[in-house]
PDB file of N, CA and C in Angstrom:
ATOM      1  N   MET A   1      26.494 -45.906  16.670  1.00  0.00           N
ATOM      2  CA  MET A   1      27.454 -45.558  15.650  1.00  0.00           C
ATOM      3  C   MET A   1      26.726 -44.797  14.541  1.00  0.00           C
ATOM      4  N   PRO A   2      27.336 -43.688  14.035  1.00  0.00           N
ATOM      5  CA  PRO A   2      26.651 -42.907  13.014  1.00  0.00           C
ATOM      6  C   PRO A   2      26.511 -43.694  11.719  1.00  0.00           C
ATOM      7  N   SER A   3      25.490 -43.364  10.956  1.00  0.00           N
ATOM      8  CA  SER A   3      25.235 -44.061   9.702  1.00  0.00           C
ATOM      9  C   SER A   3      26.079 -43.533   8.549  1.00  0.00           C
ATOM     10  N   HIS A   4      26.826 -42.475   8.777  1.00  0.00           N
ATOM     11  CA  HIS A   4      27.683 -41.944   7.722  1.00  0.00           C
ATOM     12  C   HIS A   4      29.085 -41.707   8.282  1.00  0.00           C
ATOM     13  N   THR A   5      30.023 -41.599   7.403  1.00  0.00           N
ATOM     14  CA  THR A   5      31.403 -41.351   7.799  1.00  0.00           C
ATOM     15  C   THR A   5      31.772 -39.925   7.415  1.00  0.00           C
ATOM     16  N   THR A   6      32.425 -39.233   8.295  1.00  0.00           N
ATOM     17  CA  THR A   6      32.886 -37.882   7.993  1.00  0.00           C
ATOM     18  C   THR A   6      34.265 -37.969   7.379  1.00  0.00           C
ATOM     19  N   ARG A   7      34.396 -37.439   6.186  1.00  0.00           N
ATOM     20  CA  ARG A   7      35.673 -37.433   5.485  1.00  0.00           C
ATOM     21  C   ARG A   7      36.316 -36.067   5.619  1.00  0.00           C
ATOM     22  N   PRO A   8      37.647 -36.028   5.598  1.00  0.00           N
ATOM     23  CA  PRO A   8      38.287 -34.707   5.576  1.00  0.00           C
ATOM     24  C   PRO A   8      37.994 -34.036   4.245  1.00  0.00           C
ATOM     25  N   PRO A   9      37.990 -32.717   4.203  1.00  0.00           N
ATOM     26  CA  PRO A   9      37.692 -32.032   2.941  1.00  0.00           C
ATOM     27  C   PRO A   9      38.758 -32.315   1.897  1.00  0.00           C
ATOM     28  N   CYS A  10      38.350 -32.303   0.643  1.00  0.00           N
ATOM     29  CA  CYS A  10      39.291 -32.519  -0.455  1.00  0.00           C
ATOM     30  C   CYS A  10      40.225 -31.305  -0.555  1.00  0.00           C
ATOM     31  N   ALA A  11      41.288 -31.457  -1.328  1.00  0.00           N
ATOM     32  CA  ALA A  11      42.306 -30.408  -1.430  1.00  0.00           C
ATOM     33  C   ALA A  11      41.724 -29.054  -1.854  1.00  0.00           C
ATOM     34  N   PRO A  12      40.881 -28.982  -2.901  1.00  0.00           N
ATOM     35  CA  PRO A  12      40.346 -27.668  -3.270  1.00  0.00           C
ATOM     36  C   PRO A  12      39.511 -27.034  -2.159  1.00  0.00           C
ATOM     37  N   CYS A  13      38.832 -27.861  -1.359  1.00  0.00           N
ATOM     38  CA  CYS A  13      38.015 -27.319  -0.273  1.00  0.00           C
ATOM     39  C   CYS A  13      38.869 -26.795   0.880  1.00  0.00           C
ATOM     40  N   ARG A  14      40.080 -27.340   1.028  1.00  0.00           N
ATOM     41  CA  ARG A  14      40.974 -26.879   2.094  1.00  0.00           C
ATOM     42  C   ARG A  14      41.671 -25.588   1.719  1.00  0.00           C
ATOM     43  N   GLU A  15      41.777 -25.301   0.427  1.00  0.00           N
ATOM     44  CA  GLU A  15      42.458 -24.098  -0.009  1.00  0.00           C
ATOM     45  C   GLU A  15      41.631 -22.867   0.360  1.00  0.00           C
ATOM     46  N   ALA A  16      42.332 -21.779   0.546  1.00  0.00           N
ATOM     47  CA  ALA A  16      41.651 -20.520   0.846  1.00  0.00           C
ATOM     48  C   ALA A  16      40.876 -20.073  -0.381  1.00  0.00           C
ATOM     49  N   PRO A  17      39.751 -19.404  -0.185  1.00  0.00           N
ATOM     50  CA  PRO A  17      39.017 -18.895  -1.339  1.00  0.00           C
ATOM     51  C   PRO A  17      39.866 -17.865  -2.075  1.00  0.00           C
ATOM     52  N   PRO A  18      39.612 -17.662  -3.365  1.00  0.00           N
ATOM     53  CA  PRO A  18      40.420 -16.706  -4.105  1.00  0.00           C
ATOM     54  C   PRO A  18      40.313 -15.309  -3.515  1.00  0.00           C
ATOM     55  N   GLU A  19      41.438 -14.617  -3.506  1.00  0.00           N
ATOM     56  CA  GLU A  19      41.449 -13.247  -3.003  1.00  0.00           C
ATOM     57  C   GLU A  19      40.614 -12.397  -3.952  1.00  0.00           C
ATOM     58  N   ASN A  20      39.820 -11.520  -3.413  1.00  0.00           N
ATOM     59  CA  ASN A  20      38.961 -10.683  -4.245  1.00  0.00           C
ATOM     60  C   ASN A  20      39.733  -9.474  -4.742  1.00  0.00           C
ATOM     61  N   LEU A  21      40.471  -9.660  -5.828  1.00  0.00           N
ATOM     62  CA  LEU A  21      41.221  -8.585  -6.456  1.00  0.00           C
ATOM     63  C   LEU A  21      40.518  -8.157  -7.736  1.00  0.00           C
ATOM     64  N   THR A  22      40.459  -6.870  -7.955  1.00  0.00           N
ATOM     65  CA  THR A  22      39.984  -6.397  -9.252  1.00  0.00           C
ATOM     66  C   THR A  22      41.146  -6.515 -10.228  1.00  0.00           C
ATOM     67  N   VAL A  23      40.835  -6.460 -11.494  1.00  0.00           N
ATOM     68  CA  VAL A  23      41.879  -6.552 -12.510  1.00  0.00           C
ATOM     69  C   VAL A  23      42.882  -5.411 -12.332  1.00  0.00           C
ATOM     70  N   GLU A  24      42.406  -4.242 -11.957  1.00  0.00           N
ATOM     71  CA  GLU A  24      43.302  -3.104 -11.761  1.00  0.00           C
ATOM     72  C   GLU A  24      44.269  -3.369 -10.607  1.00  0.00           C
ATOM     73  N   GLN A  25      43.771  -3.935  -9.504  1.00  0.00           N
ATOM     74  CA  GLN A  25      44.631  -4.248  -8.360  1.00  0.00           C
ATOM     75  C   GLN A  25      45.651  -5.324  -8.722  1.00  0.00           C
ATOM     76  N   ALA A  26      45.208  -6.367  -9.419  1.00  0.00           N
ATOM     77  CA  ALA A  26      46.113  -7.453  -9.793  1.00  0.00           C
ATOM     78  C   ALA A  26      47.203  -6.951 -10.728  1.00  0.00           C
ATOM     79  N   MET A  27      46.829  -6.126 -11.705  1.00  0.00           N
ATOM     80  CA  MET A  27      47.817  -5.591 -12.634  1.00  0.00           C
ATOM     81  C   MET A  27      48.782  -4.648 -11.920  1.00  0.00           C
ATOM     82  N   ALA A  28      48.276  -3.857 -10.982  1.00  0.00           N
ATOM     83  CA  ALA A  28      49.139  -2.954 -10.221  1.00  0.00           C
ATOM     84  C   ALA A  28      50.154  -3.745  -9.399  1.00  0.00           C
ATOM     85  N   GLU A  29      49.727  -4.871  -8.803  1.00  0.00           N
ATOM     86  CA  GLU A  29      50.656  -5.716  -8.038  1.00  0.00           C
ATOM     87  C   GLU A  29      51.735  -6.297  -8.944  1.00  0.00           C
ATOM     88  N   LEU A  30      51.339  -6.780 -10.128  1.00  0.00           N
ATOM     89  CA  LEU A  30      52.317  -7.329 -11.059  1.00  0.00           C
ATOM     90  C   LEU A  30      53.307  -6.252 -11.511  1.00  0.00           C
ATOM     91  N   ARG A  31      52.790  -5.076 -11.826  1.00  0.00           N
ATOM     92  CA  ARG A  31      53.679  -3.981 -12.253  1.00  0.00           C
ATOM     93  C   ARG A  31      54.613  -3.563 -11.119  1.00  0.00           C
ATOM     94  N   ALA A  32      54.111  -3.544  -9.892  1.00  0.00           N
ATOM     95  CA  ALA A  32      54.957  -3.194  -8.738  1.00  0.00           C
ATOM     96  C   ALA A  32      56.072  -4.215  -8.551  1.00  0.00           C
ATOM     97  N   ASP A  33      55.827  -5.461  -8.961  1.00  0.00           N
ATOM     98  CA  ASP A  33      56.846  -6.510  -8.877  1.00  0.00           C
ATOM     99  C   ASP A  33      57.763  -6.522 -10.103  1.00  0.00           C
ATOM    100  N   GLY A  34      57.606  -5.540 -10.992  1.00  0.00           N
ATOM    101  CA  GLY A  34      58.491  -5.426 -12.142  1.00  0.00           C
ATOM    102  C   GLY A  34      58.012  -6.121 -13.403  1.00  0.00           C
ATOM    103  N   PHE A  35      56.772  -6.595 -13.422  1.00  0.00           N
ATOM    104  CA  PHE A  35      56.231  -7.260 -14.610  1.00  0.00           C
ATOM    105  C   PHE A  35      55.660  -6.222 -15.568  1.00  0.00           C
ATOM    106  N   THR A  36      55.759  -6.513 -16.854  1.00  0.00           N
ATOM    107  CA  THR A  36      55.185  -5.652 -17.882  1.00  0.00           C
ATOM    108  C   THR A  36      54.180  -6.465 -18.697  1.00  0.00           C
ATOM    109  N   PRO A  37      53.197  -5.797 -19.308  1.00  0.00           N
ATOM    110  CA  PRO A  37      52.196  -6.523 -20.089  1.00  0.00           C
ATOM    111  C   PRO A  37      52.817  -7.263 -21.275  1.00  0.00           C
ATOM    112  N   GLY A  38      52.243  -8.405 -21.582  1.00  0.00           N
ATOM    113  CA  GLY A  38      52.689  -9.220 -22.711  1.00  0.00           C
ATOM    114  C   GLY A  38      53.444 -10.447 -22.246  1.00  0.00           C
ATOM    115  N   ALA A  39      53.461 -11.441 -23.098  1.00  0.00           N
ATOM    116  CA  ALA A  39      54.181 -12.683 -22.802  1.00  0.00           C
ATOM    117  C   ALA A  39      55.641 -12.526 -23.216  1.00  0.00           C
ATOM    118  N   PRO A  40      56.561 -13.212 -22.541  1.00  0.00           N
ATOM    119  CA  PRO A  40      57.964 -13.149 -22.950  1.00  0.00           C
ATOM    120  C   PRO A  40      58.168 -13.872 -24.281  1.00  0.00           C
ATOM    121  N   ALA A  41      59.289 -13.580 -24.930  1.00  0.00           N
ATOM    122  CA  ALA A  41      59.558 -14.118 -26.263  1.00  0.00           C
ATOM    123  C   ALA A  41      59.622 -15.645 -26.292  1.00  0.00           C
ATOM    124  N   HIS A  42      60.030 -16.272 -25.200  1.00  0.00           N
ATOM    125  CA  HIS A  42      60.182 -17.733 -25.226  1.00  0.00           C
ATOM    126  C   HIS A  42      58.850 -18.483 -25.121  1.00  0.00           C
ATOM    127  N   VAL A  43      57.778 -17.793 -24.802  1.00  0.00           N
ATOM    128  CA  VAL A  43      56.460 -18.436 -24.746  1.00  0.00           C
ATOM    129  C   VAL A  43      55.889 -18.434 -26.162  1.00  0.00           C
ATOM    130  N   THR A  44      55.679 -19.612 -26.697  1.00  0.00           N
ATOM    131  CA  THR A  44      55.251 -19.739 -28.091  1.00  0.00           C
ATOM    132  C   THR A  44      53.819 -19.260 -28.297  1.00  0.00           C
ATOM    133  N   PRO A  45      53.480 -18.898 -29.532  1.00  0.00           N
ATOM    134  CA  PRO A  45      52.090 -18.526 -29.816  1.00  0.00           C
ATOM    135  C   PRO A  45      51.115 -19.651 -29.448  1.00  0.00           C
ATOM    136  N   PHE A  46      51.513 -20.900 -29.662  1.00  0.00           N
ATOM    137  CA  PHE A  46      50.629 -22.017 -29.304  1.00  0.00           C
ATOM    138  C   PHE A  46      50.391 -22.056 -27.797  1.00  0.00           C
ATOM    139  N   ALA A  47      51.434 -21.855 -27.002  1.00  0.00           N
ATOM    140  CA  ALA A  47      51.283 -21.855 -25.534  1.00  0.00           C
ATOM    141  C   ALA A  47      50.376 -20.711 -25.089  1.00  0.00           C
ATOM    142  N   ARG A  48      50.525 -19.539 -25.716  1.00  0.00           N
ATOM    143  CA  ARG A  48      49.641 -18.417 -25.379  1.00  0.00           C
ATOM    144  C   ARG A  48      48.205 -18.740 -25.768  1.00  0.00           C
ATOM    145  N   HIS A  49      48.020 -19.408 -26.907  1.00  0.00           N
ATOM    146  CA  HIS A  49      46.678 -19.816 -27.342  1.00  0.00           C
ATOM    147  C   HIS A  49      46.058 -20.783 -26.326  1.00  0.00           C
ATOM    148  N   VAL A  50      46.842 -21.733 -25.849  1.00  0.00           N
ATOM    149  CA  VAL A  50      46.346 -22.703 -24.862  1.00  0.00           C
ATOM    150  C   VAL A  50      45.965 -21.978 -23.570  1.00  0.00           C
ATOM    151  N   ASP A  51      46.817 -21.057 -23.118  1.00  0.00           N
ATOM    152  CA  ASP A  51      46.508 -20.313 -21.892  1.00  0.00           C
ATOM    153  C   ASP A  51      45.241 -19.479 -22.050  1.00  0.00           C
ATOM    154  N   ALA A  52      45.093 -18.824 -23.197  1.00  0.00           N
ATOM    155  CA  ALA A  52      43.888 -18.022 -23.440  1.00  0.00           C
ATOM    156  C   ALA A  52      42.650 -18.914 -23.497  1.00  0.00           C
ATOM    157  N   ALA A  53      42.769 -20.078 -24.136  1.00  0.00           N
ATOM    158  CA  ALA A  53      41.634 -21.008 -24.216  1.00  0.00           C
ATOM    159  C   ALA A  53      41.260 -21.525 -22.831  1.00  0.00           C
ATOM    160  N   THR A  54      42.262 -21.769 -22.004  1.00  0.00           N
ATOM    161  CA  THR A  54      42.000 -22.220 -20.631  1.00  0.00           C
ATOM    162  C   THR A  54      41.233 -21.149 -19.872  1.00  0.00           C
ATOM    163  N   CYS A  55      41.637 -19.897 -20.022  1.00  0.00           N
ATOM    164  CA  CYS A  55      40.922 -18.810 -19.344  1.00  0.00           C
ATOM    165  C   CYS A  55      39.484 -18.709 -19.841  1.00  0.00           C
ATOM    166  N   ARG A  56      39.273 -18.908 -21.149  1.00  0.00           N
ATOM    167  CA  ARG A  56      37.903 -18.842 -21.683  1.00  0.00           C
ATOM    168  C   ARG A  56      37.018 -19.931 -21.090  1.00  0.00           C
ATOM    169  N   LYS A  57      37.617 -21.069 -20.710  1.00  0.00           N
ATOM    170  CA  LYS A  57      36.839 -22.176 -20.142  1.00  0.00           C
ATOM    171  C   LYS A  57      36.731 -22.091 -18.625  1.00  0.00           C
ATOM    172  N   THR A  58      37.455 -21.161 -18.018  1.00  0.00           N
ATOM    173  CA  THR A  58      37.487 -21.033 -16.559  1.00  0.00           C
ATOM    174  C   THR A  58      36.277 -20.249 -16.066  1.00  0.00           C
ATOM    175  N   THR A  59      35.827 -20.593 -14.869  1.00  0.00           N
ATOM    176  CA  THR A  59      34.706 -19.907 -14.235  1.00  0.00           C
ATOM    177  C   THR A  59      35.229 -18.916 -13.207  1.00  0.00           C
ATOM    178  N   CYS A  60      34.664 -17.736 -13.167  1.00  0.00           N
ATOM    179  CA  CYS A  60      35.067 -16.707 -12.211  1.00  0.00           C
ATOM    180  C   CYS A  60      34.859 -17.209 -10.784  1.00  0.00           C
ATOM    181  N   GLY A  61      35.868 -17.039  -9.950  1.00  0.00           N
ATOM    182  CA  GLY A  61      35.788 -17.462  -8.561  1.00  0.00           C
ATOM    183  C   GLY A  61      34.872 -16.603  -7.719  1.00  0.00           C
ATOM    184  N   ARG A  62      34.489 -15.449  -8.219  1.00  0.00           N
ATOM    185  CA  ARG A  62      33.614 -14.561  -7.462  1.00  0.00           C
ATOM    186  C   ARG A  62      32.156 -14.673  -7.898  1.00  0.00           C
ATOM    187  N   CYS A  63      31.890 -14.544  -9.211  1.00  0.00           N
ATOM    188  CA  CYS A  63      30.489 -14.478  -9.649  1.00  0.00           C
ATOM    189  C   CYS A  63      30.040 -15.665 -10.501  1.00  0.00           C
ATOM    190  N   GLY A  64      30.981 -16.518 -10.913  1.00  0.00           N
ATOM    191  CA  GLY A  64      30.608 -17.702 -11.676  1.00  0.00           C
ATOM    192  C   GLY A  64      30.522 -17.521 -13.182  1.00  0.00           C
ATOM    193  N   THR A  65      30.831 -16.331 -13.674  1.00  0.00           N
ATOM    194  CA  THR A  65      30.816 -16.083 -15.116  1.00  0.00           C
ATOM    195  C   THR A  65      31.882 -16.920 -15.805  1.00  0.00           C
ATOM    196  N   ARG A  66      31.607 -17.352 -17.018  1.00  0.00           N
ATOM    197  CA  ARG A  66      32.597 -18.094 -17.818  1.00  0.00           C
ATOM    198  C   ARG A  66      33.168 -17.177 -18.882  1.00  0.00           C
ATOM    199  N   ARG A  67      34.153 -17.688 -19.625  1.00  0.00           N
ATOM    200  CA  ARG A  67      34.821 -16.949 -20.704  1.00  0.00           C
ATOM    201  C   ARG A  67      35.637 -15.780 -20.153  1.00  0.00           C
ATOM    202  N   LEU A  68      36.580 -16.095 -19.283  1.00  0.00           N
ATOM    203  CA  LEU A  68      37.426 -15.073 -18.693  1.00  0.00           C
ATOM    204  C   LEU A  68      38.496 -14.618 -19.678  1.00  0.00           C
ATOM    205  N   GLY A  69      38.920 -13.379 -19.510  1.00  0.00           N
ATOM    206  CA  GLY A  69      39.964 -12.817 -20.351  1.00  0.00           C
ATOM    207  C   GLY A  69      41.345 -13.299 -19.922  1.00  0.00           C
ATOM    208  N   TYR A  70      42.345 -13.036 -20.778  1.00  0.00           N
ATOM    209  CA  TYR A  70      43.700 -13.521 -20.563  1.00  0.00           C
ATOM    210  C   TYR A  70      44.721 -12.417 -20.839  1.00  0.00           C
ATOM    211  N   PRO A  71      45.096 -11.629 -19.828  1.00  0.00           N
ATOM    212  CA  PRO A  71      46.212 -10.707 -20.030  1.00  0.00           C
ATOM    213  C   PRO A  71      47.517 -11.322 -19.490  1.00  0.00           C
ATOM    214  N   PRO A  72      48.510 -11.557 -20.359  1.00  0.00           N
ATOM    215  CA  PRO A  72      49.795 -12.095 -19.908  1.00  0.00           C
ATOM    216  C   PRO A  72      50.741 -10.980 -19.459  1.00  0.00           C
ATOM    217  N   PHE A  73      51.682 -11.321 -18.595  1.00  0.00           N
ATOM    218  CA  PHE A  73      52.711 -10.394 -18.111  1.00  0.00           C
ATOM    219  C   PHE A  73      54.047 -11.120 -18.072  1.00  0.00           C
ATOM    220  N   HIS A  74      55.124 -10.364 -18.163  1.00  0.00           N
ATOM    221  CA  HIS A  74      56.451 -10.983 -18.070  1.00  0.00           C
ATOM    222  C   HIS A  74      57.438 -10.055 -17.362  1.00  0.00           C
ATOM    223  N   ARG A  75      58.450 -10.680 -16.805  1.00  0.00           N
ATOM    224  CA  ARG A  75      59.607  -9.987 -16.222  1.00  0.00           C
ATOM    225  C   ARG A  75      60.807 -10.847 -16.595  1.00  0.00           C
ATOM    226  N   LEU A  76      61.628 -10.332 -17.528  1.00  0.00           N
ATOM    227  CA  LEU A  76      62.721 -11.117 -18.108  1.00  0.00           C
ATOM    228  C   LEU A  76      62.127 -12.409 -18.672  1.00  0.00           C
ATOM    229  N   ASN A  77      62.523 -13.570 -18.174  1.00  0.00           N
ATOM    230  CA  ASN A  77      61.977 -14.840 -18.680  1.00  0.00           C
ATOM    231  C   ASN A  77      60.827 -15.376 -17.835  1.00  0.00           C
ATOM    232  N   GLN A  78      60.404 -14.638 -16.829  1.00  0.00           N
ATOM    233  CA  GLN A  78      59.282 -15.085 -16.002  1.00  0.00           C
ATOM    234  C   GLN A  78      57.972 -14.721 -16.688  1.00  0.00           C
ATOM    235  N   TYR A  79      56.986 -15.562 -16.488  1.00  0.00           N
ATOM    236  CA  TYR A  79      55.708 -15.418 -17.189  1.00  0.00           C
ATOM    237  C   TYR A  79      54.572 -15.616 -16.194  1.00  0.00           C
ATOM    238  N   ARG A  80      53.654 -14.687 -16.190  1.00  0.00           N
ATOM    239  CA  ARG A  80      52.443 -14.810 -15.381  1.00  0.00           C
ATOM    240  C   ARG A  80      51.257 -14.370 -16.221  1.00  0.00           C
ATOM    241  N   ALA A  81      50.118 -14.957 -15.924  1.00  0.00           N
ATOM    242  CA  ALA A  81      48.901 -14.595 -16.643  1.00  0.00           C
ATOM    243  C   ALA A  81      47.760 -14.484 -15.650  1.00  0.00           C
ATOM    244  N   LEU A  82      46.812 -13.652 -15.999  1.00  0.00           N
ATOM    245  CA  LEU A  82      45.620 -13.469 -15.178  1.00  0.00           C
ATOM    246  C   LEU A  82      44.416 -14.028 -15.918  1.00  0.00           C
ATOM    247  N   ALA A  83      43.453 -14.511 -15.156  1.00  0.00           N
ATOM    248  CA  ALA A  83      42.128 -14.830 -15.687  1.00  0.00           C
ATOM    249  C   ALA A  83      41.228 -13.711 -15.177  1.00  0.00           C
ATOM    250  N   VAL A  84      40.644 -12.956 -16.083  1.00  0.00           N
ATOM    251  CA  VAL A  84      39.906 -11.745 -15.724  1.00  0.00           C
ATOM    252  C   VAL A  84      38.443 -11.889 -16.122  1.00  0.00           C
ATOM    253  N   CYS A  85      37.561 -11.649 -15.162  1.00  0.00           N
ATOM    254  CA  CYS A  85      36.126 -11.742 -15.406  1.00  0.00           C
ATOM    255  C   CYS A  85      35.630 -10.490 -16.139  1.00  0.00           C
ATOM    256  N   PRO A  86      34.932 -10.666 -17.260  1.00  0.00           N
ATOM    257  CA  PRO A  86      34.420  -9.495 -17.985  1.00  0.00           C
ATOM    258  C   PRO A  86      33.217  -8.856 -17.299  1.00  0.00           C
ATOM    259  N   LEU A  87      32.579  -9.573 -16.368  1.00  0.00           N
ATOM    260  CA  LEU A  87      31.386  -9.043 -15.710  1.00  0.00           C
ATOM    261  C   LEU A  87      31.719  -8.289 -14.429  1.00  0.00           C
ATOM    262  N   CYS A  88      32.417  -8.937 -13.482  1.00  0.00           N
ATOM    263  CA  CYS A  88      32.678  -8.299 -12.180  1.00  0.00           C
ATOM    264  C   CYS A  88      34.111  -7.790 -12.044  1.00  0.00           C
ATOM    265  N   HIS A  89      34.955  -8.023 -13.050  1.00  0.00           N
ATOM    266  CA  HIS A  89      36.340  -7.562 -13.097  1.00  0.00           C
ATOM    267  C   HIS A  89      37.230  -8.187 -12.028  1.00  0.00           C
ATOM    268  N   HIS A  90      36.822  -9.336 -11.524  1.00  0.00           N
ATOM    269  CA  HIS A  90      37.641 -10.110 -10.602  1.00  0.00           C
ATOM    270  C   HIS A  90      38.799 -10.698 -11.387  1.00  0.00           C
ATOM    271  N   ALA A  91      39.974 -10.768 -10.765  1.00  0.00           N
ATOM    272  CA  ALA A  91      41.158 -11.327 -11.442  1.00  0.00           C
ATOM    273  C   ALA A  91      41.835 -12.339 -10.553  1.00  0.00           C
ATOM    274  N   GLU A  92      42.264 -13.444 -11.158  1.00  0.00           N
ATOM    275  CA  GLU A  92      43.023 -14.474 -10.476  1.00  0.00           C
ATOM    276  C   GLU A  92      44.215 -14.831 -11.324  1.00  0.00           C
ATOM    277  N   GLU A  93      45.349 -15.067 -10.681  1.00  0.00           N
ATOM    278  CA  GLU A  93      46.522 -15.505 -11.421  1.00  0.00           C
ATOM    279  C   GLU A  93      46.359 -16.978 -11.788  1.00  0.00           C
ATOM    280  N   VAL A  94      46.696 -17.298 -13.027  1.00  0.00           N
ATOM    281  CA  VAL A  94      46.612 -18.696 -13.485  1.00  0.00           C
ATOM    282  C   VAL A  94      47.988 -19.256 -13.762  1.00  0.00           C
TER     283      VAL A  94
END
């Protein structure tokens, strides 16, 4: 009998790695879906501050850099934001 037990991978390990999109590609996809830059009116300044602070604490999924940028987008009342790496320009939706 083996001396260790094999566990199934945890949820983050089962997820696919982040898609390698540049900020330009991610923004182009959002614009193609009808999103425009900026947060919608119903998102409060405090909520935008929290989202920006979260991005600053996030680590880039590609190169590991911290302090990611936060460009928000909206379409009517829908809200999306990107975490953008200042070093490698990798972008992930948050």
